[in-house]
């Protein structure tokens, strides 16, 4: 059976996934996400400035369970519109803006629940 999941803290962070459950241990999916990250550098000149890292991803994945308590998520795809910059917040004027080339990514996540 097909399912659609969406998580969003609009307008900046969001994740969408369409999956097909073949069995409890095998669920292929296609997904899209943008999850910006921000940090305060210790040596910043303006104490309100933050360092931002942003990328968008589209990819294919496979998730499922190894046991009832142990789950996996394997994904691969394209990371694009990647950039980092400094600013007071995400939508303000971006200082030191650097755009990075598009690239491929692969990830493997193992989750344990108790």
Protein backbone atom coordinates (compact mmCIF):
# COMPACT_ATOMS: atom_id res chain seq x y z
CA UNK A 1 0.00 0.00 0.00
CA UNK A 2 1.14 3.54 -0.76
CA UNK A 3 1.58 6.25 1.84
CA UNK A 4 2.54 9.93 1.84
CA UNK A 5 4.24 11.67 4.76
CA UNK A 6 5.03 15.35 5.14
CA UNK A 7 6.83 17.24 7.90
CA UNK A 8 7.17 20.98 7.64
CA UNK A 9 8.16 24.04 9.58
CA UNK A 10 7.25 26.28 6.69
CA UNK A 11 8.63 28.14 4.90
CA UNK A 12 12.17 26.80 5.49
CA UNK A 13 12.24 23.21 6.77
CA UNK A 14 10.26 20.47 5.15
CA UNK A 15 10.45 16.80 4.22
CA UNK A 16 8.07 14.85 1.97
CA UNK A 17 8.09 11.13 1.21
CA UNK A 18 5.99 8.77 -0.91
CA UNK A 19 6.50 5.12 0.01
CA UNK A 20 5.13 1.69 -0.81
CA UNK A 21 4.99 -0.92 1.95
CA UNK A 22 5.87 -4.28 0.42
CA UNK A 23 6.22 -5.90 3.87
CA UNK A 24 6.97 -4.70 7.43
CA UNK A 25 10.66 -5.21 6.63
CA UNK A 26 10.79 -3.60 3.18
CA UNK A 27 9.47 -0.17 2.19
CA UNK A 28 10.96 1.63 -0.87
CA UNK A 29 10.35 5.37 -1.15
CA UNK A 30 11.10 8.58 -3.04
CA UNK A 31 11.67 11.71 -1.00
CA UNK A 32 12.44 15.42 -1.06
CA UNK A 33 13.78 17.54 1.78
CA UNK A 34 15.20 20.88 2.78
CA UNK A 35 16.45 21.09 6.35
CA UNK A 36 18.63 24.19 6.95
CA UNK A 37 21.03 24.14 9.88
CA UNK A 38 22.38 27.12 11.79
CA UNK A 39 25.18 27.61 14.30
CA UNK A 40 26.69 30.45 16.29
CA UNK A 41 30.42 30.74 15.56
CA UNK A 42 32.51 31.56 18.63
CA UNK A 43 34.66 34.10 16.73
CA UNK A 44 31.87 36.02 14.95
CA UNK A 45 32.23 39.79 14.65
CA UNK A 46 28.50 40.47 15.19
CA UNK A 47 27.12 38.51 18.14
CA UNK A 48 23.71 38.11 16.41
CA UNK A 49 25.12 36.57 13.21
CA UNK A 50 24.71 32.85 12.62
CA UNK A 51 26.36 30.44 10.21
CA UNK A 52 23.77 28.73 7.94
CA UNK A 53 24.11 25.54 5.89
CA UNK A 54 21.31 24.78 3.39
CA UNK A 55 20.83 22.02 0.84
CA UNK A 56 17.90 20.40 -0.88
CA UNK A 57 17.79 16.67 -1.54
CA UNK A 58 15.80 14.38 -3.77
CA UNK A 59 16.39 10.68 -3.61
CA UNK A 60 15.34 7.07 -3.52
CA UNK A 61 15.47 5.00 -0.39
CA UNK A 62 14.68 1.75 1.29
CA UNK A 63 13.56 1.49 4.90
CA UNK A 64 12.37 -1.30 7.06
CA UNK A 65 12.93 -3.36 10.16
CA UNK A 66 15.66 -5.81 11.02
CA UNK A 67 13.84 -6.72 14.25
CA UNK A 68 10.94 -5.07 16.12
CA UNK A 69 13.38 -2.75 17.92
CA UNK A 70 15.94 -2.21 15.15
CA UNK A 71 15.12 -0.28 11.94
CA UNK A 72 17.19 0.89 8.98
CA UNK A 73 16.93 3.61 6.33
CA UNK A 74 19.21 3.55 3.28
CA UNK A 75 18.97 6.44 0.80
CA UNK A 76 20.82 7.77 -2.22
CA UNK A 77 20.14 10.71 -4.49
CA UNK A 78 21.05 14.22 -5.55
CA UNK A 79 21.87 17.15 -3.23
CA UNK A 80 21.36 20.50 -4.98
CA UNK A 81 21.05 24.25 -4.28
CA UNK A 82 23.73 23.83 -1.62
CA UNK A 83 25.04 26.97 0.05
CA UNK A 84 26.42 28.35 3.26
CA UNK A 85 26.42 31.92 4.52
CA UNK A 86 26.30 34.17 7.58
CA UNK A 87 23.29 36.29 8.49
CA UNK A 88 21.17 37.29 11.47
CA UNK A 89 18.37 35.00 10.33
CA UNK A 90 17.53 32.82 7.36
CA UNK A 91 15.72 35.47 5.31
CA UNK A 92 18.01 38.48 5.91
CA UNK A 93 20.85 39.73 3.71
CA UNK A 94 23.35 36.91 3.34
CA UNK A 95 26.99 37.75 4.12
CA UNK A 96 29.80 35.60 2.71
CA UNK A 97 27.45 33.57 0.50
CA UNK A 98 29.06 30.48 -1.05
CA UNK A 99 27.25 28.26 -3.54
CA UNK A 100 28.44 24.67 -3.86
CA UNK A 101 28.08 22.35 -6.83
CA UNK A 102 25.33 19.77 -6.96
CA UNK A 103 26.43 16.34 -5.80
CA UNK A 104 25.34 12.80 -5.08
CA UNK A 105 24.76 11.55 -1.55
CA UNK A 106 24.31 8.20 0.17
CA UNK A 107 23.16 7.68 3.73
CA UNK A 108 22.49 4.78 6.06
CA UNK A 109 20.64 5.28 9.35
CA UNK A 110 20.10 2.59 11.99
CA UNK A 111 17.50 3.31 14.69
CA UNK A 112 17.00 1.37 17.90
CA UNK A 113 13.93 1.69 20.10
CA UNK A 114 13.59 0.42 23.67
